[in-house]
Amino acid sequence: MKVKEKIQKITFINDAYTKWKWRERTVSYGNENPDKTFFVIRRATCKVGLFSHVMTNMGLVRYALENNYIPVIDMQSNLNSYLEESQVGKENAWEFYFEQPCGYTLEDISTSRNVILSDGLITDENEYPDAIITFDSEKYQLWRDFFDKYFHIKKDIKDEAESLWCDLFHGDRVVGVLCRGTDYVVQHPKDHPIQPSVESLIKKASEILFEYNCKWIYLATEDETAYQKFSNVFKEYLKVTNAKRCENIGSENINEISFGRKNEKFLRGKEYLINILLLSQCNCLIAGRAGGTYGALMMGSEYEYQHIYNLGVY
């Protein structure tokens, strides 16, 4: 075992090293753009989903703008859930799915004089949209407007989602359900929102389907068992995409699951984003508190009806 690996097995040293490595700091890459200060938004290597990145990036983009910095999102310099190891340092996973908030890329600023690298650790001091937007209408509208202004999904992905929406629903009314299962409900990650049971989601969806005169149930889930339970109840009135689902993953993180496809990580992110884009267009929403729920609230118009479970945290 290398000395560095031995040291990092000592928790307090590892914590100190991580904080030092990901500290906010100022760097200079050259003499270009002397009248501008760029703020590179980073996140320490971790196994989180796309909308976790979106939400924390929203907070850091706002911080940058409030300080007259130009934000540039970096999902290129270290491994994340959407980069293959061979792509690290070469491709920016953020730009697979979204435009840069102010149009500048990492390449654009590679010879700039004034560059600030953000703190890569997300702590309680960071402010970003989370569960509060499910019950605070003022905060919801503030973050919704901010997303609309600075967070633009790639056109090809939006076009694919719009085409799929037409193919699935033919202009009919839809109840959207987000069911977060697999690792969440098995592992109970500390301080993460408790998710509703599949049975409670089915019961609520059945009620709203008729109460709001909807024809279809659209289910966004990564959990094959949850899909089968919904399918047994709603049969031909249940709609899903072709996104891969899994079951019995035990202690694995959902963001580590591979289906053996070329460009697996990119495809997983794209399928997830399209799933949530479709969810954002539904007439009604039923969901637990989770990143995908917050993403749907950011990307869509206001729902005619929404029920977002508040069951505490694990």
Protein backbone atom coordinates (compact mmCIF):
# COMPACT_ATOMS: atom_id res chain seq x y z
CA MET A 1 0.00 0.00 0.00
CA LYS A 2 1.33 3.45 -0.91
CA VAL A 3 2.12 5.95 1.84
CA LYS A 4 -0.64 8.30 0.63
CA GLU A 5 -3.21 5.48 0.82
CA LYS A 6 -2.06 4.55 4.35
CA ILE A 7 -2.35 8.15 5.50
CA GLN A 8 -5.81 8.53 4.00
CA LYS A 9 -7.06 5.53 5.97
CA ILE A 10 -6.60 7.63 9.11
CA THR A 11 -9.93 9.46 9.17
CA PHE A 12 -8.96 12.79 10.68
CA ILE A 13 -5.94 13.09 8.36
CA ASN A 14 -8.04 12.14 5.35
CA ASP A 15 -10.68 14.74 6.30
CA ALA A 16 -8.01 17.42 6.65
CA TYR A 17 -6.41 16.44 3.34
CA THR A 18 -9.77 16.48 1.55
CA LYS A 19 -10.61 19.94 2.90
CA TRP A 20 -7.20 21.22 1.85
CA LYS A 21 -7.36 19.65 -1.61
CA TRP A 22 -10.81 21.07 -2.35
CA ARG A 23 -10.39 24.46 -0.66
CA GLU A 24 -11.40 27.59 -2.53
CA ARG A 25 -8.34 29.24 -4.05
CA THR A 26 -7.29 31.75 -6.67
CA VAL A 27 -5.15 30.69 -9.64
CA SER A 28 -3.87 32.30 -12.82
CA TYR A 29 -3.57 30.46 -16.13
CA GLY A 30 -2.17 33.33 -18.21
CA ASN A 31 -2.85 36.98 -19.01
CA GLU A 32 -6.08 36.84 -20.99
CA ASN A 33 -9.38 38.42 -19.87
CA PRO A 34 -7.72 40.68 -17.27
CA ASP A 35 -11.03 42.54 -16.79
CA LYS A 36 -12.93 39.38 -15.81
CA THR A 37 -12.89 37.01 -12.84
CA PHE A 38 -14.05 33.47 -13.52
CA PHE A 39 -15.46 31.22 -10.80
CA VAL A 40 -14.93 27.52 -11.55
CA ILE A 41 -17.65 25.47 -9.86
CA ARG A 42 -16.29 22.14 -8.67
CA ARG A 43 -17.53 19.24 -6.60
CA ALA A 44 -15.32 16.74 -4.83
CA THR A 45 -15.44 13.22 -6.24
CA CYS A 46 -18.64 11.58 -5.00
CA LYS A 47 -21.35 9.18 -6.15
CA VAL A 48 -24.33 11.48 -6.59
CA GLY A 49 -26.98 11.85 -9.25
CA LEU A 50 -27.38 14.49 -11.93
CA PHE A 51 -29.90 16.62 -10.07
CA SER A 52 -27.74 16.70 -6.97
CA HIS A 53 -25.15 18.37 -9.18
CA VAL A 54 -27.79 20.66 -10.69
CA MET A 55 -29.09 21.87 -7.32
CA THR A 56 -25.71 22.53 -5.72
CA ASN A 57 -24.47 24.15 -8.94
CA MET A 58 -27.45 26.49 -8.86
CA GLY A 59 -26.40 27.75 -5.46
CA LEU A 60 -22.80 28.28 -6.53
CA VAL A 61 -23.76 29.98 -9.79
CA ARG A 62 -25.87 32.42 -7.80
CA TYR A 63 -22.99 33.00 -5.38
CA ALA A 64 -20.66 33.75 -8.31
CA LEU A 65 -23.04 36.21 -9.94
CA GLU A 66 -23.69 38.00 -6.65
CA ASN A 67 -19.92 38.58 -6.41
CA ASN A 68 -19.56 39.73 -10.03
CA TYR A 69 -17.74 36.54 -11.04
CA ILE A 70 -18.45 34.60 -14.22
CA PRO A 71 -19.42 31.00 -13.33
CA VAL A 72 -18.02 28.04 -15.25
CA ILE A 73 -19.17 24.56 -14.21
CA ASP A 74 -16.44 21.92 -14.07
CA MET A 75 -17.45 18.26 -14.23
CA GLN A 76 -14.29 17.45 -16.15
CA SER A 77 -11.34 17.66 -13.79
CA ASN A 78 -12.24 14.73 -11.54
CA LEU A 79 -14.26 11.53 -11.70
CA ASN A 80 -18.04 11.77 -11.29
CA SER A 81 -21.10 9.64 -11.97
CA TYR A 82 -21.27 10.68 -15.63
CA LEU A 83 -17.64 10.53 -16.76
CA GLU A 84 -15.82 7.37 -17.78
CA GLU A 85 -12.30 7.20 -16.36
CA SER A 86 -10.86 7.71 -19.84
CA GLN A 87 -12.76 11.00 -20.16
CA VAL A 88 -11.48 12.63 -16.96
CA GLY A 89 -9.60 15.82 -17.79
CA LYS A 90 -10.78 15.68 -21.41
CA GLU A 91 -14.56 16.11 -21.49
CA ASN A 92 -16.94 18.09 -19.31
CA ALA A 93 -19.88 15.93 -18.25
CA TRP A 94 -21.93 19.05 -17.48
CA GLU A 95 -21.87 19.93 -21.17
CA PHE A 96 -23.27 16.52 -22.11
CA TYR A 97 -26.60 17.70 -20.72
CA PHE A 98 -26.56 21.48 -20.11
CA GLU A 99 -25.10 24.64 -21.58
CA GLN A 100 -22.68 26.65 -19.46
CA PRO A 101 -24.63 29.27 -17.47
CA CYS A 102 -22.84 32.31 -18.96
CA GLY A 103 -21.48 30.78 -22.16
CA TYR A 104 -17.85 30.36 -21.07
CA THR A 105 -16.26 26.91 -21.07
CA LEU A 106 -13.17 25.62 -19.28
CA GLU A 107 -11.30 25.83 -22.58
CA ASP A 108 -12.36 29.46 -22.98
CA ILE A 109 -10.76 30.40 -19.66
CA SER A 110 -7.66 28.18 -19.94
CA THR A 111 -5.35 31.19 -20.40
CA SER A 112 -7.22 33.66 -18.19
CA ARG A 113 -5.54 35.77 -15.53
CA ASN A 114 -8.17 35.76 -12.79
CA VAL A 115 -9.68 32.40 -11.88
CA ILE A 116 -11.18 31.27 -8.59
CA LEU A 117 -11.62 27.54 -7.99
CA SER A 118 -14.65 27.00 -5.76
CA ASP A 119 -14.61 24.98 -2.57
CA GLY A 120 -15.46 21.50 -3.80
CA LEU A 121 -17.14 20.38 -0.59
CA ILE A 122 -20.87 20.90 -0.07
CA THR A 123 -21.68 21.78 3.54
CA ASP A 124 -24.56 23.25 5.53
CA GLU A 125 -23.22 26.68 4.62
CA ASN A 126 -24.12 26.18 0.97
CA GLU A 127 -27.48 27.60 -0.05
CA TYR A 128 -29.25 25.86 -2.92
CA PRO A 129 -32.76 24.60 -3.77
CA ASP A 130 -33.72 21.52 -1.78
CA ALA A 131 -36.80 20.35 0.11
CA ILE A 132 -37.70 23.94 1.00
CA ILE A 133 -38.99 24.55 -2.54
CA THR A 134 -41.70 21.93 -1.97
CA PHE A 135 -43.47 24.07 0.63
CA ASP A 136 -42.10 27.64 0.39
CA SER A 137 -43.72 29.20 -2.69
CA GLU A 138 -41.53 32.31 -2.58
CA LYS A 139 -38.30 30.29 -2.52
CA TYR A 140 -39.69 27.99 -5.20
CA GLN A 141 -40.42 30.90 -7.55
CA LEU A 142 -37.04 32.51 -6.90
CA TRP A 143 -35.13 29.34 -7.78
CA ARG A 144 -37.49 28.48 -10.63
CA ASP A 145 -36.83 31.85 -12.29
CA PHE A 146 -33.10 31.46 -11.68
CA PHE A 147 -33.05 28.02 -13.32
CA ASP A 148 -34.99 29.34 -16.30
CA LYS A 149 -32.46 32.12 -16.83
CA TYR A 150 -29.16 30.29 -16.38
CA PHE A 151 -29.71 26.53 -16.75
CA HIS A 152 -30.43 25.53 -20.34
CA ILE A 153 -30.74 21.88 -21.33
CA LYS A 154 -29.03 20.79 -24.53
CA LYS A 155 -31.35 21.18 -27.50
CA ASP A 156 -30.99 17.60 -28.75
CA ILE A 157 -32.04 16.24 -25.36
CA LYS A 158 -35.01 18.62 -25.12
CA ASP A 159 -36.08 17.67 -28.65
CA GLU A 160 -35.86 13.96 -27.84
CA ALA A 161 -37.95 14.44 -24.71
CA GLU A 162 -40.60 16.45 -26.57
CA SER A 163 -40.86 13.80 -29.28
CA LEU A 164 -41.17 11.05 -26.69
CA TRP A 165 -43.87 13.00 -24.83
CA CYS A 166 -45.98 13.17 -28.00
CA ASP A 167 -45.46 9.48 -28.74
CA LEU A 168 -46.42 8.38 -25.23
CA PHE A 169 -49.37 10.59 -24.36
CA HIS A 170 -50.97 11.90 -27.59
CA GLY A 171 -52.10 15.12 -25.95
CA ASP A 172 -53.97 13.38 -23.10
CA ARG A 173 -53.80 14.32 -19.42
CA VAL A 174 -51.15 12.67 -17.25
CA VAL A 175 -50.43 11.99 -13.58
CA GLY A 176 -46.66 11.88 -13.06
CA VAL A 177 -45.18 9.75 -10.28
CA LEU A 178 -41.58 9.72 -9.14
CA CYS A 179 -40.66 6.60 -7.19
CA ARG A 180 -37.14 6.62 -5.76
CA GLY A 181 -36.25 3.07 -4.78
CA THR A 182 -33.26 0.68 -4.91
CA ASP A 183 -30.31 1.95 -2.83
CA TYR A 184 -32.36 4.73 -1.20
CA VAL A 185 -34.92 2.48 0.45
CA VAL A 186 -32.49 -0.36 1.19
CA GLN A 187 -29.59 1.63 2.60
CA HIS A 188 -31.48 4.53 4.25
CA PRO A 189 -28.74 7.13 3.64
CA LYS A 190 -28.33 9.28 6.74
CA ASP A 191 -30.18 12.62 6.71
CA HIS A 192 -31.75 11.95 3.30
CA PRO A 193 -35.56 12.22 2.98
CA ILE A 194 -37.56 9.08 3.76
CA GLN A 195 -39.29 7.91 0.60
CA PRO A 196 -42.95 6.87 0.40
CA SER A 197 -43.76 3.21 -0.09
CA VAL A 198 -44.74 1.97 -3.53
CA GLU A 199 -48.16 1.05 -2.15
CA SER A 200 -48.84 4.59 -0.91
CA LEU A 201 -47.78 6.04 -4.27
CA ILE A 202 -50.10 3.66 -6.11
CA LYS A 203 -53.00 4.54 -3.82
CA LYS A 204 -52.50 8.28 -4.26
CA ALA A 205 -52.00 7.95 -8.03
CA SER A 206 -55.28 6.00 -8.33
CA GLU A 207 -57.15 8.77 -6.51
CA ILE A 208 -55.66 11.62 -8.54
CA LEU A 209 -56.06 9.81 -11.86
CA PHE A 210 -59.83 9.99 -11.57
CA GLU A 211 -60.15 13.18 -9.54
CA TYR A 212 -58.24 15.18 -12.17
CA ASN A 213 -59.63 13.34 -15.18
CA CYS A 214 -56.27 12.03 -16.38
CA LYS A 215 -55.84 9.15 -18.80
CA TRP A 216 -52.28 8.05 -18.10
CA ILE A 217 -49.95 7.34 -15.20
CA TYR A 218 -46.35 8.21 -16.05
CA LEU A 219 -43.83 6.52 -13.76
CA ALA A 220 -40.26 7.76 -13.39
CA THR A 221 -38.30 5.16 -11.44
CA GLU A 222 -35.00 3.31 -11.51
CA ASP A 223 -36.55 0.42 -9.54
CA GLU A 224 -37.77 -2.61 -11.52
CA THR A 225 -39.76 -3.99 -8.58
CA ALA A 226 -41.65 -0.71 -8.22
CA TYR A 227 -42.37 -0.71 -11.95
CA GLN A 228 -43.80 -4.23 -11.80
CA LYS A 229 -46.11 -3.27 -8.92
CA PHE A 230 -47.39 -0.22 -10.81
CA SER A 231 -47.81 -2.27 -13.97
CA ASN A 232 -49.90 -4.88 -12.15
CA VAL A 233 -52.33 -2.15 -11.03
CA PHE A 234 -52.49 0.30 -13.94
CA LYS A 235 -51.74 -2.11 -16.79
CA GLU A 236 -52.05 -0.41 -20.21
CA TYR A 237 -52.62 2.98 -18.60
CA LEU A 238 -49.07 3.01 -17.22
CA LYS A 239 -46.39 4.69 -19.31
CA VAL A 240 -42.61 4.55 -18.84
CA THR A 241 -39.58 5.26 -20.99
CA ASN A 242 -37.01 2.70 -22.11
CA ALA A 243 -34.56 3.85 -19.44
CA LYS A 244 -32.84 0.95 -17.72
CA ARG A 245 -34.14 -0.15 -14.32
CA CYS A 246 -32.54 -2.43 -11.76
CA GLU A 247 -33.39 -4.51 -8.70
CA ASN A 248 -31.67 -6.28 -5.83
CA ILE A 249 -28.59 -4.06 -5.91
CA GLY A 250 -27.87 -4.57 -2.22
CA SER A 251 -25.30 -2.14 -0.87
CA GLU A 252 -24.30 -0.79 -4.29
CA ASN A 253 -24.87 2.85 -5.14
CA ILE A 254 -27.34 3.34 -8.00
CA ASN A 255 -24.80 5.59 -9.71
CA GLU A 256 -22.34 2.68 -9.91
CA ILE A 257 -24.66 0.26 -11.69
CA SER A 258 -23.65 -0.63 -15.24
CA PHE A 259 -25.70 -2.38 -17.91
CA GLY A 260 -22.65 -3.02 -20.06
CA ARG A 261 -23.45 -0.45 -22.72
CA LYS A 262 -20.97 1.70 -24.60
CA ASN A 263 -21.07 5.21 -23.10
CA GLU A 264 -22.93 3.76 -20.11
CA LYS A 265 -22.48 6.74 -17.83
CA PHE A 266 -23.53 9.29 -20.43
CA LEU A 267 -26.60 7.24 -21.34
CA ARG A 268 -27.60 6.82 -17.70
CA GLY A 269 -27.52 10.58 -17.21
CA LYS A 270 -29.36 11.28 -20.43
CA GLU A 271 -32.11 8.76 -19.65
CA TYR A 272 -32.51 10.19 -16.16
CA LEU A 273 -32.75 13.75 -17.46
CA ILE A 274 -35.35 12.78 -20.06
CA ASN A 275 -37.34 10.89 -17.42
CA ILE A 276 -37.48 14.02 -15.27
CA LEU A 277 -38.19 16.31 -18.22
CA LEU A 278 -41.27 14.20 -18.96
CA LEU A 279 -42.24 14.30 -15.28
CA SER A 280 -42.02 18.09 -15.36
CA GLN A 281 -44.62 18.26 -18.14
CA CYS A 282 -47.32 16.21 -16.41
CA ASN A 283 -50.57 17.76 -15.22
CA CYS A 284 -50.21 16.35 -11.70
CA LEU A 285 -47.23 15.24 -9.63
CA ILE A 286 -46.90 12.65 -6.86
CA ALA A 287 -43.42 12.16 -5.43
CA GLY A 288 -41.15 11.92 -2.44
CA ARG A 289 -38.54 14.53 -1.67
CA ALA A 290 -35.58 13.74 -3.91
CA GLY A 291 -33.32 15.40 -6.46
CA GLY A 292 -35.50 14.32 -9.38
CA THR A 293 -38.53 15.92 -7.74
CA TYR A 294 -36.71 19.21 -7.29
CA GLY A 295 -35.56 18.99 -10.90
CA ALA A 296 -39.10 18.50 -12.16
CA LEU A 297 -40.25 21.52 -10.14
CA MET A 298 -37.48 23.63 -11.68
CA MET A 299 -38.04 22.57 -15.29
CA GLY A 300 -41.82 22.60 -15.65
CA SER A 301 -44.76 24.90 -15.24
CA GLU A 302 -46.81 24.78 -12.05
CA TYR A 303 -48.76 21.55 -11.64
CA GLU A 304 -52.54 21.55 -11.33
CA TYR A 305 -52.01 19.29 -8.34
CA GLN A 306 -48.90 18.13 -6.52
CA HIS A 307 -48.43 15.89 -3.52
CA ILE A 308 -44.86 15.70 -2.26
CA TYR A 309 -44.43 13.48 0.78
CA ASN A 310 -42.74 14.87 3.87
CA LEU A 311 -41.86 11.82 5.94
CA GLY A 312 -38.78 13.11 7.72
CA VAL A 313 -35.26 11.83 7.13
CA TYR A 314 -33.49 8.51 7.56
